[in-house]
Amino acid sequence: MEEFKKQAKEKMEKSIESLRNDFASMRTGRASLSIIDGIRIDAYGSQMKIDQVASMAVPESRLLTIQPWDPKMIQPIEKAILKSDLGINPTNDGKIIRLAIPQLTEERRKQIVKLAHKKAEESKIAVRNIRRDINEKIKKHGKDNNVSKDLIKDEGDELQTITDKYIKKIDEILHHKEAEIMEV
């Protein structure tokens, strides 16, 4: 039955990783390359990520720079940024695109915190669903192999302990992100 707990831990770890990725793309008022990670541009007849056609940097805490390797790519990159829901207007000097990250308003910070809470709750639900599925596998395995009810209950209790650990981890990640967003 150890393989069931191992399976649960692996799946729960993937839920945590997914939450971290979701949080990385949330704007916090500071420049971070992760906010433009999901943006795709039309380049050379296909959809590409910005980092596949340009070098990116964070020279200041509230500024991102994108320098296309091919100057013809400035227009498609700007168009893709404007179409995204970032709410940032790019400026360029013909060689480099600059994205000035505006200061977030208190209202916008609260909206982002709400979104973070929603994402964290979705992760908790995913972890609980994993627990439920693995619990069912443990019970079925126990029934099929004549395992005592006490042993099945003990396994279920251990699985609950693992679940509680991951729920706590999600709360800690959320608390950290919330502090980062509300920081002025």
Protein backbone atom coordinates (compact mmCIF):
# COMPACT_ATOMS: atom_id res chain seq x y z
CA MET A 1 0.00 0.00 0.00
CA GLU A 2 3.07 2.21 0.08
CA GLU A 3 2.77 2.69 -3.68
CA PHE A 4 -0.62 4.34 -3.14
CA LYS A 5 0.85 6.91 -0.74
CA LYS A 6 3.77 7.51 -3.11
CA GLN A 7 1.29 8.04 -5.95
CA ALA A 8 -0.71 10.48 -3.80
CA LYS A 9 2.41 12.49 -2.91
CA GLU A 10 3.47 12.74 -6.57
CA LYS A 11 0.05 13.96 -7.70
CA MET A 12 -0.26 16.42 -4.80
CA GLU A 13 3.21 17.75 -5.58
CA LYS A 14 2.06 18.40 -9.17
CA SER A 15 -0.91 20.39 -7.80
CA ILE A 16 1.49 22.49 -5.72
CA GLU A 17 3.73 23.05 -8.75
CA SER A 18 0.74 24.10 -10.83
CA LEU A 19 -0.25 26.62 -8.15
CA ARG A 20 3.28 28.03 -8.08
CA ASN A 21 3.18 28.46 -11.86
CA ASP A 22 -0.19 30.22 -11.64
CA PHE A 23 1.15 32.54 -8.94
CA ALA A 24 4.34 33.28 -10.90
CA SER A 25 2.32 34.79 -13.73
CA MET A 26 0.31 37.11 -11.43
CA ARG A 27 1.35 40.74 -11.51
CA THR A 28 2.60 42.11 -8.22
CA GLY A 29 3.66 45.61 -9.22
CA ARG A 30 7.26 44.49 -9.70
CA ALA A 31 8.84 43.59 -13.01
CA SER A 32 9.19 39.87 -13.57
CA LEU A 33 9.82 37.99 -16.79
CA SER A 34 7.18 35.44 -15.77
CA ILE A 35 4.37 37.93 -16.49
CA ILE A 36 5.09 37.71 -20.23
CA ASP A 37 5.82 33.96 -20.28
CA GLY A 38 2.43 32.97 -21.65
CA ILE A 39 2.39 35.50 -24.49
CA ARG A 40 2.77 34.02 -27.94
CA ILE A 41 3.56 35.92 -31.12
CA ASP A 42 3.15 35.26 -34.83
CA ALA A 43 6.72 34.78 -35.95
CA TYR A 44 8.00 33.23 -39.15
CA GLY A 45 4.64 31.60 -39.86
CA SER A 46 4.09 29.98 -36.46
CA GLN A 47 3.17 30.79 -32.86
CA MET A 48 6.27 31.30 -30.70
CA LYS A 49 7.04 32.46 -27.20
CA ILE A 50 8.74 35.84 -26.90
CA ASP A 51 11.91 34.31 -25.45
CA GLN A 52 12.33 32.31 -28.67
CA VAL A 53 12.77 35.46 -30.76
CA ALA A 54 14.23 37.98 -28.31
CA SER A 55 16.36 38.43 -25.23
CA MET A 56 14.56 39.77 -22.18
CA ALA A 57 15.82 41.53 -19.07
CA VAL A 58 14.70 43.29 -15.90
CA PRO A 59 17.08 46.28 -15.66
CA GLU A 60 15.01 48.00 -12.93
CA SER A 61 12.42 46.81 -10.44
CA ARG A 62 9.57 48.26 -12.52
CA LEU A 63 10.89 47.86 -16.07
CA LEU A 64 11.15 44.95 -18.50
CA THR A 65 13.11 45.15 -21.73
CA ILE A 66 12.70 42.94 -24.77
CA GLN A 67 15.33 43.07 -27.50
CA PRO A 68 14.34 41.08 -30.60
CA TRP A 69 17.19 39.39 -32.45
CA ASP A 70 15.47 40.42 -35.68
CA PRO A 71 14.33 44.08 -35.66
CA LYS A 72 11.33 43.09 -37.85
CA MET A 73 9.89 41.28 -34.81
CA ILE A 74 9.26 44.50 -32.82
CA GLN A 75 5.79 45.02 -34.32
CA PRO A 76 4.51 41.45 -33.76
CA ILE A 77 5.84 41.46 -30.18
CA GLU A 78 4.18 44.80 -29.42
CA LYS A 79 0.92 43.61 -30.98
CA ALA A 80 0.95 40.42 -28.88
CA ILE A 81 1.61 42.38 -25.67
CA LEU A 82 -1.23 44.79 -26.44
CA LYS A 83 -3.61 41.87 -27.16
CA SER A 84 -2.72 40.16 -23.86
CA ASP A 85 -4.58 41.08 -20.69
CA LEU A 86 -1.50 42.60 -19.01
CA GLY A 87 -2.73 46.17 -19.30
CA ILE A 88 0.78 47.41 -20.12
CA ASN A 89 1.57 49.61 -23.11
CA PRO A 90 4.92 48.80 -24.74
CA THR A 91 7.22 51.52 -26.04
CA ASN A 92 10.12 51.03 -28.43
CA ASP A 93 13.04 52.94 -29.87
CA GLY A 94 13.37 50.76 -32.96
CA LYS A 95 15.70 48.28 -31.23
CA ILE A 96 14.33 47.60 -27.75
CA ILE A 97 10.80 47.30 -26.41
CA ARG A 98 10.32 48.67 -22.91
CA LEU A 99 7.48 47.66 -20.60
CA ALA A 100 7.04 50.01 -17.65
CA ILE A 101 5.18 48.16 -14.91
CA PRO A 102 2.69 50.59 -13.36
CA GLN A 103 2.15 50.79 -9.62
CA LEU A 104 -0.89 48.72 -8.66
CA THR A 105 -3.83 50.48 -7.06
CA GLU A 106 -5.18 49.21 -3.75
CA GLU A 107 -8.34 48.02 -5.50
CA ARG A 108 -6.35 46.09 -8.13
CA ARG A 109 -4.19 44.51 -5.41
CA LYS A 110 -7.32 43.28 -3.66
CA GLN A 111 -8.63 41.81 -6.94
CA ILE A 112 -5.34 39.96 -7.46
CA VAL A 113 -5.44 38.66 -3.87
CA LYS A 114 -8.99 37.38 -4.51
CA LEU A 115 -7.77 35.61 -7.62
CA ALA A 116 -4.87 34.12 -5.64
CA HIS A 117 -7.33 32.80 -3.02
CA LYS A 118 -9.43 31.27 -5.80
CA LYS A 119 -6.40 29.54 -7.33
CA ALA A 120 -5.31 28.25 -3.91
CA GLU A 121 -8.80 26.88 -3.23
CA GLU A 122 -8.76 25.11 -6.60
CA SER A 123 -5.45 23.50 -5.61
CA LYS A 124 -6.88 22.41 -2.27
CA ILE A 125 -9.85 20.83 -4.06
CA ALA A 126 -7.45 19.02 -6.40
CA VAL A 127 -5.47 17.69 -3.41
CA ARG A 128 -8.67 16.52 -1.69
CA ASN A 129 -9.83 14.81 -4.89
CA ILE A 130 -6.49 12.99 -5.07
CA ARG A 131 -6.98 11.87 -1.45
CA ARG A 132 -10.46 10.60 -2.26
CA ASP A 133 -9.29 8.67 -5.33
CA ILE A 134 -6.33 7.09 -3.53
CA ASN A 135 -8.55 6.27 -0.53
CA GLU A 136 -10.90 4.40 -2.85
CA LYS A 137 -7.94 2.48 -4.33
CA ILE A 138 -6.75 1.56 -0.82
CA LYS A 139 -10.21 0.30 0.16
CA LYS A 140 -10.59 -1.68 -3.08
CA HIS A 141 -7.11 -3.16 -2.69
CA GLY A 142 -7.88 -4.06 0.92
CA LYS A 143 -11.14 -5.71 0.00
CA ASP A 144 -9.62 -7.67 -2.91
CA ASN A 145 -6.69 -8.91 -0.79
CA ASN A 146 -8.51 -9.56 2.53
CA VAL A 147 -6.60 -6.83 4.39
CA SER A 148 -7.91 -6.09 7.89
CA LYS A 149 -10.21 -3.09 8.35
CA ASP A 150 -7.83 -1.69 10.98
CA LEU A 151 -4.94 -1.65 8.50
CA ILE A 152 -7.14 0.00 5.85
CA LYS A 153 -8.19 2.62 8.41
CA ASP A 154 -4.53 3.23 9.39
CA GLU A 155 -3.61 3.71 5.73
CA GLY A 156 -6.51 6.14 5.33
CA ASP A 157 -5.31 8.07 8.40
CA GLU A 158 -1.78 8.29 6.98
CA LEU A 159 -3.21 9.51 3.69
CA GLN A 160 -5.16 12.19 5.59
CA THR A 161 -1.92 13.29 7.32
CA ILE A 162 -0.23 13.60 3.92
CA THR A 163 -3.22 15.57 2.61
CA ASP A 164 -3.14 17.93 5.62
CA LYS A 165 0.56 18.57 4.99
CA TYR A 166 -0.10 19.58 1.39
CA ILE A 167 -3.10 21.75 2.32
CA LYS A 168 -0.85 23.53 4.84
CA LYS A 169 1.80 23.99 2.13
CA ILE A 170 -0.82 25.59 -0.16
CA ASP A 171 -1.83 27.96 2.66
CA GLU A 172 1.83 28.96 3.19
CA ILE A 173 2.34 29.62 -0.53
CA LEU A 174 -0.87 31.69 -0.60
CA HIS A 175 0.17 33.67 2.48
CA HIS A 176 3.55 34.45 0.91
CA LYS A 177 1.97 35.53 -2.40
CA GLU A 178 -0.64 37.66 -0.62
CA ALA A 179 2.12 39.47 1.31
CA GLU A 180 4.04 40.01 -1.95
CA ILE A 181 0.96 41.47 -3.68
CA MET A 182 -0.06 43.77 -0.83
CA GLU A 183 3.50 45.05 -0.34
CA VAL A 184 3.64 48.68 -1.40
